[in-house]
N, C-alpha and C. Protein backbone atom coordinates (compact mmCIF):
# COMPACT_ATOMS: atom_id res chain seq x y z
N UNK A 1 -147.16 42.84 -78.78
CA UNK A 1 -148.19 42.81 -77.72
C UNK A 1 -148.32 41.84 -76.83
N UNK A 2 -149.16 42.04 -75.53
CA UNK A 2 -149.90 41.28 -74.68
C UNK A 2 -151.11 41.22 -74.53
N UNK A 3 -151.30 39.86 -74.47
CA UNK A 3 -152.66 39.97 -73.61
C UNK A 3 -152.61 38.96 -72.32
N UNK A 4 -153.46 39.83 -71.32
CA UNK A 4 -153.80 39.40 -69.97
C UNK A 4 -155.07 38.75 -69.80
N UNK A 5 -154.79 38.06 -68.72
CA UNK A 5 -156.25 37.68 -68.13
C UNK A 5 -155.96 37.23 -67.01
N UNK A 6 -156.38 37.12 -65.86
CA UNK A 6 -156.58 37.03 -64.54
C UNK A 6 -155.10 37.19 -63.99
N UNK A 7 -154.31 37.97 -64.38
CA UNK A 7 -153.01 38.52 -64.19
C UNK A 7 -151.84 37.32 -64.73
N UNK A 8 -152.43 36.79 -65.64
CA UNK A 8 -151.38 35.95 -66.43
C UNK A 8 -151.47 36.24 -67.99
N UNK A 9 -150.14 35.79 -68.76
CA UNK A 9 -150.29 36.35 -69.96
C UNK A 9 -150.79 34.77 -70.59
N UNK A 10 -151.68 35.53 -71.73
CA UNK A 10 -152.20 34.12 -72.62
C UNK A 10 -151.96 34.65 -73.84
N UNK A 11 -151.61 35.51 -74.46
CA UNK A 11 -151.01 35.46 -75.99
C UNK A 11 -150.13 36.77 -75.91
N UNK A 12 -149.21 36.31 -77.16
CA UNK A 12 -148.38 37.50 -77.32
C UNK A 12 -148.21 37.32 -79.02
N UNK A 13 -147.75 38.62 -79.14
CA UNK A 13 -147.88 38.87 -81.06
C UNK A 13 -146.83 39.79 -81.30
N UNK A 14 -145.79 39.77 -82.12
CA UNK A 14 -144.68 40.48 -82.54
C UNK A 14 -145.36 41.60 -83.57
N UNK A 15 -145.60 42.73 -83.20
CA UNK A 15 -146.02 43.80 -84.07
C UNK A 15 -147.22 43.48 -84.73
N UNK A 16 -148.55 43.04 -84.39
CA UNK A 16 -149.77 42.61 -85.16
C UNK A 16 -149.80 44.28 -85.99
N UNK A 17 -150.72 43.77 -86.88
CA UNK A 17 -151.21 45.13 -87.84
C UNK A 17 -152.47 45.87 -86.70
N UNK A 18 -153.16 44.89 -86.43
CA UNK A 18 -154.20 45.34 -85.50
C UNK A 18 -154.54 45.08 -84.00
N UNK A 19 -153.41 45.49 -83.36
CA UNK A 19 -153.34 44.98 -81.67
C UNK A 19 -154.90 45.15 -81.04
N UNK A 20 -154.90 43.98 -80.04
CA UNK A 20 -156.02 44.03 -79.27
C UNK A 20 -156.06 44.35 -77.81
N UNK A 21 -154.75 44.91 -77.48
CA UNK A 21 -154.39 45.73 -76.16
C UNK A 21 -153.32 46.59 -76.59
N UNK A 22 -153.31 47.62 -75.50
CA UNK A 22 -152.35 48.46 -75.60
C UNK A 22 -150.92 48.25 -74.94
N UNK A 23 -150.89 46.99 -74.47
CA UNK A 23 -149.48 46.30 -73.86
C UNK A 23 -148.64 45.92 -74.47
N UNK A 24 -147.17 46.52 -74.68
CA UNK A 24 -146.35 46.35 -75.89
C UNK A 24 -145.06 45.50 -74.59
N UNK A 25 -144.55 44.68 -75.39
CA UNK A 25 -143.43 44.07 -75.02
C UNK A 25 -142.29 44.83 -74.83
N UNK A 26 -141.55 44.94 -73.90
CA UNK A 26 -140.60 45.93 -73.02
C UNK A 26 -138.90 45.17 -73.77
N UNK A 27 -139.06 43.81 -73.74
CA UNK A 27 -137.96 43.40 -73.91
C UNK A 27 -137.03 42.87 -72.93
N UNK A 28 -137.74 42.87 -71.64
CA UNK A 28 -136.99 42.49 -70.41
C UNK A 28 -137.88 41.46 -69.77
N UNK A 29 -136.63 40.13 -69.84
CA UNK A 29 -137.51 38.97 -69.47
C UNK A 29 -136.61 38.21 -68.39
N UNK A 30 -137.12 37.62 -67.65
CA UNK A 30 -136.69 36.59 -66.74
C UNK A 30 -137.15 35.23 -66.87
N UNK A 31 -136.56 34.08 -67.22
CA UNK A 31 -136.91 32.84 -67.71
C UNK A 31 -136.24 31.77 -66.48
N UNK A 32 -137.02 30.30 -66.21
CA UNK A 32 -136.38 29.61 -65.91
C UNK A 32 -135.75 28.62 -67.00
N UNK A 33 -135.18 27.53 -66.43
CA UNK A 33 -134.67 26.52 -68.28
C UNK A 33 -135.71 26.18 -68.70
N UNK A 34 -136.92 26.23 -68.48
CA UNK A 34 -137.88 25.53 -69.17
C UNK A 34 -137.79 26.50 -70.49
N UNK A 35 -137.23 27.66 -70.64
CA UNK A 35 -137.24 28.28 -72.22
C UNK A 35 -136.23 28.02 -72.90
N UNK A 36 -135.43 26.71 -72.71
CA UNK A 36 -134.70 26.19 -73.63
C UNK A 36 -135.40 25.07 -74.16
N UNK A 37 -136.40 24.59 -73.55
CA UNK A 37 -136.79 23.59 -74.57
C UNK A 37 -138.02 24.04 -75.07
N UNK A 38 -138.71 25.23 -74.69
CA UNK A 38 -139.37 25.95 -75.29
C UNK A 38 -138.47 26.38 -77.08
N UNK A 39 -137.46 26.56 -76.91
CA UNK A 39 -136.78 27.46 -77.91
C UNK A 39 -136.47 26.25 -78.87
N UNK A 40 -136.55 25.04 -78.66
CA UNK A 40 -136.00 23.66 -79.23
C UNK A 40 -137.23 22.99 -79.88
N UNK A 41 -138.32 23.55 -79.50
CA UNK A 41 -139.78 23.23 -79.91
C UNK A 41 -140.38 24.03 -80.69
N UNK A 42 -140.05 25.31 -81.16
CA UNK A 42 -140.44 26.32 -82.15
C UNK A 42 -139.61 26.39 -83.34
N UNK A 43 -140.06 27.01 -84.48
CA UNK A 43 -139.78 26.91 -85.73
C UNK A 43 -139.49 28.29 -86.00
N UNK A 44 -138.39 28.62 -86.71
CA UNK A 44 -137.65 30.01 -87.53
C UNK A 44 -139.17 30.41 -87.72
N UNK A 45 -138.99 32.01 -87.65
CA UNK A 45 -139.92 32.86 -88.13
C UNK A 45 -139.67 33.04 -89.50
N UNK A 46 -140.52 33.57 -90.28
CA UNK A 46 -139.94 33.91 -91.92
C UNK A 46 -138.77 34.81 -92.08
N UNK A 47 -138.22 35.18 -91.09
CA UNK A 47 -136.49 35.92 -91.41
C UNK A 47 -135.61 34.87 -90.85
N UNK A 48 -136.04 33.70 -90.86
CA UNK A 48 -134.97 32.97 -90.40
C UNK A 48 -134.73 32.45 -88.95
N UNK A 49 -135.30 33.51 -87.89
CA UNK A 49 -134.68 33.54 -86.48
C UNK A 49 -135.89 32.76 -85.73
N UNK A 50 -135.28 32.25 -84.63
CA UNK A 50 -136.21 31.85 -83.35
C UNK A 50 -136.54 33.14 -82.79
N UNK A 51 -137.95 33.31 -82.62
CA UNK A 51 -138.45 34.82 -81.90
C UNK A 51 -138.60 34.38 -80.51
N UNK A 52 -138.23 35.44 -79.45
CA UNK A 52 -138.58 35.27 -78.31
C UNK A 52 -140.09 35.02 -77.95
N UNK A 53 -140.74 35.70 -78.60
CA UNK A 53 -142.06 35.76 -78.74
C UNK A 53 -142.82 34.68 -78.68
N UNK A 54 -142.15 33.46 -79.89
CA UNK A 54 -143.09 32.45 -80.10
C UNK A 54 -142.69 31.52 -79.15
N UNK A 55 -141.23 31.70 -78.22
CA UNK A 55 -140.68 30.70 -77.07
C UNK A 55 -141.75 30.85 -76.11
N UNK A 56 -141.81 32.06 -75.74
CA UNK A 56 -142.96 32.82 -74.66
C UNK A 56 -144.32 32.15 -74.97
N UNK A 57 -144.95 32.36 -76.11
CA UNK A 57 -145.94 31.54 -76.44
C UNK A 57 -146.12 29.96 -76.22
N UNK A 58 -145.18 29.50 -76.69
CA UNK A 58 -145.10 28.21 -76.66
C UNK A 58 -145.15 27.52 -74.79
N UNK A 59 -144.74 28.73 -74.02
CA UNK A 59 -144.75 28.39 -72.77
C UNK A 59 -146.07 28.38 -72.16
N UNK A 60 -146.82 29.48 -72.59
CA UNK A 60 -148.29 29.68 -72.17
C UNK A 60 -149.01 28.42 -73.12
N UNK A 61 -148.61 28.20 -74.43
CA UNK A 61 -149.69 26.99 -74.94
C UNK A 61 -149.38 25.77 -74.13
N UNK A 62 -148.67 25.36 -73.69
CA UNK A 62 -148.17 24.09 -72.65
C UNK A 62 -148.29 24.30 -70.97
N UNK A 63 -149.31 25.17 -70.87
CA UNK A 63 -149.51 25.25 -69.55
C UNK A 63 -148.79 26.04 -68.63
N UNK A 64 -147.79 26.27 -68.69
CA UNK A 64 -146.60 27.14 -67.96
C UNK A 64 -147.06 28.59 -67.69
N UNK A 65 -146.55 28.68 -66.27
CA UNK A 65 -147.09 29.96 -65.91
C UNK A 65 -146.09 30.83 -66.46
N UNK A 66 -146.96 31.92 -67.02
CA UNK A 66 -146.36 33.39 -67.51
C UNK A 66 -146.71 34.53 -67.07
N UNK A 67 -145.85 34.93 -66.07
CA UNK A 67 -146.54 36.50 -65.36
C UNK A 67 -146.22 37.80 -66.16
N UNK A 68 -146.53 38.74 -66.39
CA UNK A 68 -146.41 39.92 -66.63
C UNK A 68 -145.56 41.12 -65.11
N UNK A 69 -145.01 41.98 -65.97
CA UNK A 69 -145.13 42.77 -65.06
C UNK A 69 -145.28 44.17 -65.64
N UNK A 70 -146.07 44.77 -65.32
CA UNK A 70 -146.72 46.43 -66.25
C UNK A 70 -145.60 47.33 -65.55
N UNK A 71 -145.15 48.08 -66.48
CA UNK A 71 -144.10 49.00 -66.28
C UNK A 71 -145.12 50.49 -66.39
N UNK A 72 -145.28 51.18 -65.33
CA UNK A 72 -146.16 52.49 -65.15
C UNK A 72 -145.31 53.48 -65.21
N UNK A 73 -143.99 53.45 -65.24
CA UNK A 73 -142.98 54.65 -65.17
C UNK A 73 -142.74 54.97 -66.70
N UNK A 74 -141.46 55.43 -66.69
CA UNK A 74 -141.05 56.03 -68.17
C UNK A 74 -140.46 54.84 -68.76
N UNK A 75 -140.38 54.66 -70.25
CA UNK A 75 -139.58 53.46 -70.62
C UNK A 75 -138.66 53.87 -71.78
N UNK A 76 -137.40 53.84 -72.06
CA UNK A 76 -136.75 54.39 -73.22
C UNK A 76 -136.09 53.20 -73.98
N UNK A 77 -136.27 53.62 -75.13
CA UNK A 77 -135.63 52.44 -75.99
C UNK A 77 -134.31 52.89 -76.51
N UNK A 78 -133.37 51.65 -76.04
CA UNK A 78 -132.10 52.15 -76.08
C UNK A 78 -131.45 51.82 -77.45
N UNK A 79 -132.22 51.50 -78.39
CA UNK A 79 -131.83 51.55 -79.36
C UNK A 79 -132.21 52.46 -80.34
N UNK A 80 -132.52 53.72 -79.84
CA UNK A 80 -132.48 55.20 -80.63
C UNK A 80 -131.62 56.31 -79.91
N UNK A 81 -130.89 57.06 -80.49
CA UNK A 81 -129.94 57.84 -79.79
C UNK A 81 -130.87 58.72 -78.87
N UNK A 82 -132.10 59.38 -79.66
CA UNK A 82 -132.91 60.38 -79.11
C UNK A 82 -132.99 59.71 -77.46
N UNK A 83 -133.70 58.38 -77.26
CA UNK A 83 -134.10 57.83 -75.95
C UNK A 83 -132.54 57.45 -74.89
N UNK A 84 -131.46 57.44 -75.71
CA UNK A 84 -130.24 57.13 -75.09
C UNK A 84 -130.09 58.68 -74.41
N UNK A 85 -129.97 59.84 -74.99
CA UNK A 85 -129.79 61.06 -74.58
C UNK A 85 -130.66 61.60 -73.28
N UNK A 86 -131.95 61.00 -73.81
CA UNK A 86 -132.79 61.37 -72.72
C UNK A 86 -132.78 60.77 -71.36
N UNK A 87 -132.39 59.21 -71.50
CA UNK A 87 -132.17 58.46 -70.16
C UNK A 87 -131.02 58.59 -69.75
N UNK A 88 -130.04 59.33 -70.57
CA UNK A 88 -128.66 59.89 -69.79
C UNK A 88 -128.76 61.07 -69.13
N UNK A 89 -129.79 62.18 -69.48
CA UNK A 89 -130.36 63.39 -68.73
C UNK A 89 -131.15 63.20 -67.60
N UNK A 90 -132.00 62.04 -67.76
CA UNK A 90 -132.89 61.71 -66.21
C UNK A 90 -131.94 61.03 -65.64
N UNK A 91 -130.83 60.57 -65.70
CA UNK A 91 -130.01 59.89 -64.75
C UNK A 91 -129.32 61.05 -64.23
N UNK A 92 -128.69 61.91 -65.01
CA UNK A 92 -127.66 62.90 -64.64
C UNK A 92 -128.23 63.95 -63.78
N UNK A 93 -129.58 63.94 -63.73
CA UNK A 93 -130.69 65.25 -62.70
C UNK A 93 -130.59 64.47 -61.69
N UNK A 94 -129.89 63.25 -60.86
CA UNK A 94 -130.11 62.80 -59.77
C UNK A 94 -128.91 62.78 -59.27
N UNK A 95 -127.80 63.20 -59.56
CA UNK A 95 -126.29 63.24 -59.20
C UNK A 95 -126.14 64.37 -58.07
N UNK A 96 -125.16 63.81 -57.16
CA UNK A 96 -124.86 64.87 -56.33
C UNK A 96 -123.04 65.23 -56.79
N UNK A 97 -122.88 66.33 -56.30
CA UNK A 97 -121.51 66.82 -57.14
C UNK A 97 -120.51 66.10 -55.78
N UNK A 98 -119.17 65.69 -56.84
CA UNK A 98 -118.50 65.01 -56.12
C UNK A 98 -117.20 64.90 -57.02
N UNK A 99 -115.97 65.70 -56.41
CA UNK A 99 -114.79 65.55 -57.02
C UNK A 99 -113.71 64.75 -56.71
N UNK A 100 -113.64 63.69 -57.13
CA UNK A 100 -112.45 63.24 -56.50
C UNK A 100 -111.13 62.82 -57.46
N UNK A 101 -110.87 63.52 -58.70
CA UNK A 101 -110.15 63.24 -59.77
C UNK A 101 -109.36 64.49 -59.30
N UNK A 102 -108.51 65.24 -59.83
CA UNK A 102 -107.24 66.07 -59.69
C UNK A 102 -107.86 67.43 -60.92
N UNK A 103 -108.15 68.44 -60.24
CA UNK A 103 -108.32 69.58 -61.21
C UNK A 103 -107.34 70.53 -61.54
N UNK A 104 -106.52 70.74 -62.84
CA UNK A 104 -105.52 71.64 -63.01
C UNK A 104 -105.85 73.00 -63.65
N UNK A 105 -105.75 73.95 -62.85
CA UNK A 105 -106.83 75.41 -63.97
C UNK A 105 -107.55 74.79 -64.12
N UNK A 106 -109.08 74.25 -63.68
CA UNK A 106 -110.36 73.84 -64.04
C UNK A 106 -110.95 74.02 -63.28
N UNK A 107 -112.29 74.17 -63.59
CA UNK A 107 -113.09 74.43 -62.71
C UNK A 107 -114.59 73.48 -63.10
N UNK A 108 -115.26 73.39 -61.99
CA UNK A 108 -116.53 72.61 -62.10
C UNK A 108 -117.90 73.44 -61.54
N UNK A 109 -118.80 73.43 -62.34
CA UNK A 109 -119.71 74.30 -61.76
C UNK A 109 -121.13 73.29 -61.57
N UNK A 110 -121.88 73.56 -60.41
CA UNK A 110 -123.06 72.69 -60.64
C UNK A 110 -122.94 71.53 -60.00
N UNK A 111 -123.76 70.40 -60.45
CA UNK A 111 -123.60 68.95 -59.86
C UNK A 111 -122.93 68.31 -61.01
N UNK A 112 -121.15 68.16 -60.67
CA UNK A 112 -120.49 67.18 -61.49
C UNK A 112 -119.70 66.49 -60.82
N UNK A 113 -119.82 65.18 -61.28
CA UNK A 113 -118.69 64.23 -60.51
C UNK A 113 -117.40 64.16 -61.32
N UNK A 114 -116.56 64.12 -60.77
CA UNK A 114 -115.25 63.41 -61.10
C UNK A 114 -114.81 62.54 -60.60
N UNK A 115 -114.62 61.06 -61.14
CA UNK A 115 -114.03 59.84 -60.55
C UNK A 115 -112.65 60.24 -60.03
N UNK A 116 -112.10 59.12 -59.53
CA UNK A 116 -111.05 58.86 -58.89
C UNK A 116 -110.30 58.59 -60.05
N UNK A 117 -108.85 59.59 -60.15
CA UNK A 117 -107.94 59.18 -61.23
C UNK A 117 -108.20 59.82 -62.37
N UNK A 118 -109.17 60.58 -62.58
CA UNK A 118 -109.55 61.64 -63.64
C UNK A 118 -109.21 62.90 -63.55
N UNK A 119 -108.03 63.70 -64.79
CA UNK A 119 -107.00 64.46 -64.46
C UNK A 119 -107.67 65.42 -65.56
N UNK A 120 -108.18 66.44 -64.92
CA UNK A 120 -108.44 67.80 -65.77
C UNK A 120 -107.48 68.77 -65.67
N UNK A 121 -106.99 69.15 -67.15
CA UNK A 121 -106.38 70.71 -67.15
C UNK A 121 -106.88 71.48 -67.62
N UNK A 122 -107.10 72.90 -67.07
CA UNK A 122 -107.35 73.76 -68.28
C UNK A 122 -108.83 73.83 -68.81
N UNK A 123 -109.72 73.26 -68.01
CA UNK A 123 -111.20 72.65 -68.39
C UNK A 123 -112.09 73.53 -67.59
N UNK A 124 -113.17 73.69 -68.25
CA UNK A 124 -114.85 73.94 -67.72
C UNK A 124 -115.54 73.19 -67.63
N UNK A 125 -116.21 72.44 -66.62
CA UNK A 125 -117.21 71.53 -66.67
C UNK A 125 -118.49 72.00 -65.98
N UNK A 126 -119.67 72.32 -66.95
CA UNK A 126 -120.79 72.53 -66.38
C UNK A 126 -121.92 71.51 -66.04
N UNK A 127 -122.08 71.54 -65.09
CA UNK A 127 -123.34 70.29 -64.72
C UNK A 127 -124.76 70.31 -65.06
N UNK A 128 -125.48 69.29 -64.89
CA UNK A 128 -124.71 67.84 -64.10
C UNK A 128 -124.04 67.30 -65.50
N UNK A 129 -123.25 66.56 -65.13
CA UNK A 129 -122.16 66.00 -66.15
C UNK A 129 -121.13 65.12 -64.75
N UNK A 130 -120.63 63.80 -65.68
CA UNK A 130 -119.91 62.76 -64.66
C UNK A 130 -118.89 62.72 -65.85
N UNK A 131 -117.39 62.72 -65.17
CA UNK A 131 -116.24 62.22 -65.63
C UNK A 131 -115.48 60.83 -64.84
N UNK A 132 -115.59 59.93 -66.00
CA UNK A 132 -114.95 58.68 -65.60
C UNK A 132 -113.84 58.82 -65.13
N UNK A 133 -113.54 57.49 -63.98
CA UNK A 133 -112.16 57.44 -63.48
C UNK A 133 -111.08 57.26 -64.72
N UNK A 134 -110.08 57.71 -64.35
CA UNK A 134 -108.84 57.81 -65.13
C UNK A 134 -108.61 58.29 -66.77
N UNK A 135 -109.80 59.34 -66.85
CA UNK A 135 -110.05 60.27 -68.24
C UNK A 135 -109.25 61.19 -68.09
N UNK A 136 -108.86 61.59 -68.95
CA UNK A 136 -108.13 63.31 -68.95
C UNK A 136 -108.66 63.88 -70.11
N UNK A 137 -108.99 65.24 -69.44
CA UNK A 137 -109.21 66.41 -70.36
C UNK A 137 -108.34 67.23 -70.46
N UNK A 138 -108.19 67.86 -71.24
CA UNK A 138 -107.22 68.72 -71.61
C UNK A 138 -107.87 69.84 -72.48
N UNK A 139 -107.97 71.07 -71.96
CA UNK A 139 -108.14 72.51 -73.19
C UNK A 139 -109.58 72.01 -73.36
N UNK A 140 -110.48 71.88 -72.24
CA UNK A 140 -112.26 71.32 -73.17
C UNK A 140 -113.09 72.37 -72.27
N UNK A 141 -114.25 72.40 -73.11
CA UNK A 141 -115.64 72.59 -72.51
C UNK A 141 -116.18 71.48 -72.39
N UNK A 142 -116.73 71.08 -71.16
CA UNK A 142 -118.09 69.90 -71.14
C UNK A 142 -118.97 70.53 -70.65
N UNK A 143 -119.87 70.66 -71.36
CA UNK A 143 -121.35 71.08 -71.14
C UNK A 143 -122.31 70.35 -70.16
N UNK A 144 -123.75 70.67 -70.06
CA UNK A 144 -124.53 70.07 -69.13
C UNK A 144 -124.79 68.78 -69.98
N UNK A 145 -125.24 68.06 -69.16
CA UNK A 145 -126.10 66.57 -69.60
C UNK A 145 -125.04 65.72 -70.43
N UNK A 146 -123.85 66.07 -70.24
CA UNK A 146 -122.67 65.07 -70.50
C UNK A 146 -121.82 63.82 -69.56
N UNK A 147 -121.97 62.54 -70.20
CA UNK A 147 -121.59 61.46 -69.32
C UNK A 147 -120.28 61.08 -69.63
N UNK A 148 -118.91 61.20 -69.49
CA UNK A 148 -117.73 60.60 -70.01
C UNK A 148 -117.35 59.51 -69.18
N UNK A 149 -117.16 58.34 -69.89
CA UNK A 149 -117.04 57.11 -69.30
C UNK A 149 -115.35 56.88 -68.89
N UNK A 150 -114.76 55.83 -68.73
CA UNK A 150 -113.65 55.86 -67.70
C UNK A 150 -112.59 55.49 -68.79
N UNK A 151 -111.37 55.94 -68.37
CA UNK A 151 -110.08 55.96 -69.52
C UNK A 151 -110.53 56.62 -70.71
N UNK A 152 -111.47 57.69 -71.11
CA UNK A 152 -111.35 58.57 -71.90
C UNK A 152 -110.24 59.91 -72.30
N UNK A 153 -110.12 60.17 -73.42
CA UNK A 153 -109.17 61.28 -73.74
C UNK A 153 -110.22 62.54 -74.43
N UNK A 154 -110.05 63.68 -73.82
CA UNK A 154 -110.58 64.48 -74.70
C UNK A 154 -109.58 65.81 -74.47
N UNK A 155 -109.39 66.42 -75.72
CA UNK A 155 -108.66 67.45 -75.67
C UNK A 155 -108.84 68.21 -76.99
N UNK A 156 -109.03 69.83 -76.62
CA UNK A 156 -109.22 70.58 -77.33
C UNK A 156 -110.57 70.56 -78.14
N UNK A 157 -111.55 70.44 -77.16
CA UNK A 157 -113.07 70.23 -77.81
C UNK A 157 -114.11 70.64 -77.06
N UNK A 158 -114.93 70.76 -77.55
CA UNK A 158 -116.45 71.38 -76.61
C UNK A 158 -117.47 69.76 -76.50
N UNK A 159 -117.66 69.92 -75.69
CA UNK A 159 -118.60 68.87 -75.63
C UNK A 159 -119.72 68.66 -74.69
N UNK A 160 -121.21 68.70 -75.27
CA UNK A 160 -122.37 68.96 -74.60
C UNK A 160 -123.77 67.94 -75.04
N UNK A 161 -124.08 67.75 -73.76
CA UNK A 161 -125.59 66.76 -73.90
C UNK A 161 -125.03 65.25 -74.85
N UNK A 162 -124.05 64.97 -74.58
CA UNK A 162 -123.27 63.65 -75.01
C UNK A 162 -123.22 62.66 -74.23
N UNK A 163 -122.68 61.22 -74.68
CA UNK A 163 -122.45 60.20 -73.77
C UNK A 163 -121.29 59.59 -74.40
N UNK A 164 -120.04 59.71 -74.04
CA UNK A 164 -118.70 59.03 -74.55
C UNK A 164 -118.56 57.87 -73.32
N UNK A 165 -118.68 56.38 -74.44
CA UNK A 165 -118.50 55.43 -73.44
C UNK A 165 -116.77 55.13 -73.14
N UNK A 166 -116.39 54.32 -72.48
CA UNK A 166 -115.16 53.93 -72.19
C UNK A 166 -114.11 53.78 -73.35
N UNK A 167 -112.80 54.57 -73.18
CA UNK A 167 -111.62 54.46 -74.07
C UNK A 167 -111.78 55.14 -75.41
N UNK A 168 -112.89 56.19 -75.18
CA UNK A 168 -113.02 56.76 -76.39
C UNK A 168 -112.13 58.62 -76.08
N UNK A 169 -111.44 58.89 -77.35
CA UNK A 169 -110.89 59.59 -77.55
C UNK A 169 -111.56 60.97 -78.72
N UNK A 170 -111.29 62.14 -78.15
CA UNK A 170 -112.07 63.05 -79.27
C UNK A 170 -111.12 64.23 -79.02
N UNK A 171 -110.28 64.64 -80.04
CA UNK A 171 -109.38 65.61 -80.38
C UNK A 171 -109.28 66.79 -81.19
N UNK A 172 -109.32 67.83 -80.82
CA UNK A 172 -109.08 68.86 -81.62
C UNK A 172 -110.13 69.44 -82.65
N UNK A 173 -111.63 69.20 -81.95
CA UNK A 173 -112.53 69.77 -82.81
C UNK A 173 -112.78 71.28 -82.40
N UNK A 174 -113.13 72.10 -83.73
CA UNK A 174 -113.43 73.51 -83.75
C UNK A 174 -114.86 73.85 -83.10
N UNK A 175 -115.43 73.26 -83.79
CA UNK A 175 -117.08 73.33 -83.69
C UNK A 175 -117.43 72.67 -82.07
N UNK A 176 -118.42 72.54 -81.73
CA UNK A 176 -118.79 71.69 -80.64
C UNK A 176 -119.74 70.62 -80.96
N UNK A 177 -119.11 69.56 -80.35
CA UNK A 177 -120.09 68.17 -80.33
C UNK A 177 -121.09 67.99 -79.42
N UNK A 178 -122.28 67.88 -80.03
CA UNK A 178 -123.50 68.09 -79.15
C UNK A 178 -124.87 66.79 -79.80
N UNK A 179 -125.17 66.49 -78.54
CA UNK A 179 -126.49 65.01 -79.12
C UNK A 179 -125.65 64.14 -79.30
N UNK A 180 -124.37 63.66 -79.26
CA UNK A 180 -124.17 62.53 -79.60
C UNK A 180 -123.53 61.46 -78.52
N UNK A 181 -123.51 60.29 -79.65
CA UNK A 181 -123.29 59.11 -78.41
C UNK A 181 -121.95 58.18 -79.36
N UNK A 182 -121.19 58.22 -78.65
CA UNK A 182 -119.68 57.22 -78.95
C UNK A 182 -119.53 55.95 -78.22
N UNK A 183 -119.54 55.28 -78.99
CA UNK A 183 -119.33 53.92 -78.59
C UNK A 183 -117.81 53.81 -77.79
N UNK A 184 -117.74 52.54 -77.22
CA UNK A 184 -116.47 51.95 -76.92
C UNK A 184 -115.44 52.34 -77.64
N UNK A 185 -113.91 52.72 -77.20
CA UNK A 185 -112.75 53.12 -77.88
C UNK A 185 -113.07 53.81 -79.22
N UNK A 186 -113.82 54.54 -79.27
CA UNK A 186 -114.00 55.53 -80.42
C UNK A 186 -113.08 56.37 -80.56
N UNK A 187 -112.43 56.80 -81.76
CA UNK A 187 -111.81 57.72 -81.85
C UNK A 187 -111.87 59.00 -82.66
N UNK A 188 -112.07 60.04 -82.47
CA UNK A 188 -112.57 61.40 -83.34
C UNK A 188 -111.38 62.09 -83.10
N UNK A 189 -110.99 62.79 -84.56
CA UNK A 189 -109.65 63.78 -84.53
C UNK A 189 -110.29 64.61 -85.56
N UNK A 190 -109.70 65.74 -85.28
CA UNK A 190 -109.86 67.08 -86.62
C UNK A 190 -108.89 67.14 -87.60
N UNK A 191 -109.55 67.43 -88.75
CA UNK A 191 -109.01 67.15 -89.91
C UNK A 191 -108.55 68.93 -90.55
N UNK A 192 -108.84 69.23 -91.60
CA UNK A 192 -108.17 70.48 -92.13
C UNK A 192 -109.39 71.19 -92.82
N UNK A 193 -110.50 70.35 -92.80
CA UNK A 193 -111.77 71.21 -93.34
C UNK A 193 -112.70 72.09 -92.05
N UNK A 194 -113.58 72.31 -92.68
CA UNK A 194 -114.29 73.39 -91.60
C UNK A 194 -115.58 73.25 -91.32
N UNK A 195 -116.24 72.05 -90.84
CA UNK A 195 -117.25 71.54 -90.28
C UNK A 195 -117.37 72.16 -89.41
N UNK A 196 -118.16 72.92 -88.84
CA UNK A 196 -118.82 73.95 -87.22
C UNK A 196 -119.32 72.61 -86.55
N UNK A 197 -120.38 71.97 -87.00
CA UNK A 197 -121.09 71.16 -85.68
C UNK A 197 -121.19 69.86 -86.10
N UNK A 198 -121.34 69.20 -85.17
CA UNK A 198 -121.13 67.56 -85.15
C UNK A 198 -122.19 66.64 -84.68
N UNK A 199 -122.49 65.79 -85.38
CA UNK A 199 -123.77 64.72 -84.60
C UNK A 199 -123.43 63.53 -84.90
N UNK A 200 -123.08 62.50 -83.87
CA UNK A 200 -122.55 61.34 -83.97
C UNK A 200 -123.44 60.09 -83.22
N UNK A 201 -123.43 59.08 -84.05
CA UNK A 201 -124.02 57.78 -83.12
C UNK A 201 -123.21 56.77 -83.88
N UNK A 202 -121.79 56.52 -82.88
CA UNK A 202 -120.99 55.83 -83.46
C UNK A 202 -120.66 54.29 -82.71
N UNK A 203 -120.62 53.18 -83.31
CA UNK A 203 -120.41 51.85 -82.63
C UNK A 203 -118.96 51.86 -81.97
N UNK A 204 -119.19 50.83 -81.45
CA UNK A 204 -117.63 50.46 -80.84
C UNK A 204 -116.32 50.01 -81.63
N UNK A 205 -115.24 50.52 -81.10
CA UNK A 205 -114.56 50.04 -82.05
C UNK A 205 -114.19 50.57 -83.28
N UNK A 206 -114.58 51.88 -83.37
CA UNK A 206 -114.88 52.75 -84.55
C UNK A 206 -113.45 53.86 -84.59
N UNK A 207 -113.17 54.60 -85.74
CA UNK A 207 -112.25 55.46 -85.70
C UNK A 207 -112.89 56.35 -86.63
N UNK A 208 -112.84 57.97 -86.40
CA UNK A 208 -113.37 58.77 -87.41
C UNK A 208 -112.27 59.95 -87.76
N UNK A 209 -112.44 60.07 -88.58
CA UNK A 209 -111.36 61.33 -89.01
C UNK A 209 -112.03 62.64 -89.30
N UNK A 210 -112.38 63.74 -89.11
CA UNK A 210 -112.88 64.61 -89.53
C UNK A 210 -112.77 65.50 -90.57
N UNK A 211 -113.19 65.54 -91.85
CA UNK A 211 -112.27 66.64 -92.77
C UNK A 211 -112.87 67.68 -93.04
């Protein structure tokens, strides 16, 4: 929570039980080197960490100028899966169709971007969607609001309304993967079991086998 006076920040509080204003800190800051002095001057919080809000408050208390910028448009918390997918949707709604990769017995419908070096074999992609450079898709359906990063591999799978970061691999899914986020270099493969729906939020350098 932030309190302002005459266009300047005068007080900050981290998740106060009774906020005095409706201004929340969004976690984006630009500092001069004076922030290092402030960090050295404060003490760890009860959870044992130096808090950025305490450092900024120290700047305020020592007479340094701390200026706010009020965000009046939409804001998404990228620590939440739902917000990441919504941000992805908002961005994909702005793209224009562009196919610079290779299509082999494949078709792209709607606003689809296929980056250079990507190769699609026997695939259908429905936009808005983006396929990153160097990615290989084989026998796939890629549905709307899907962003696949560079150098991914997707084989025999259906993916919709999802995000795959660079180097991820998805192979042999019977059901459709939807509303999911895969971090960098994540690998998902199909086992012999019968799950028909999938929902994932997976960190970097993970590997998942579906049973």
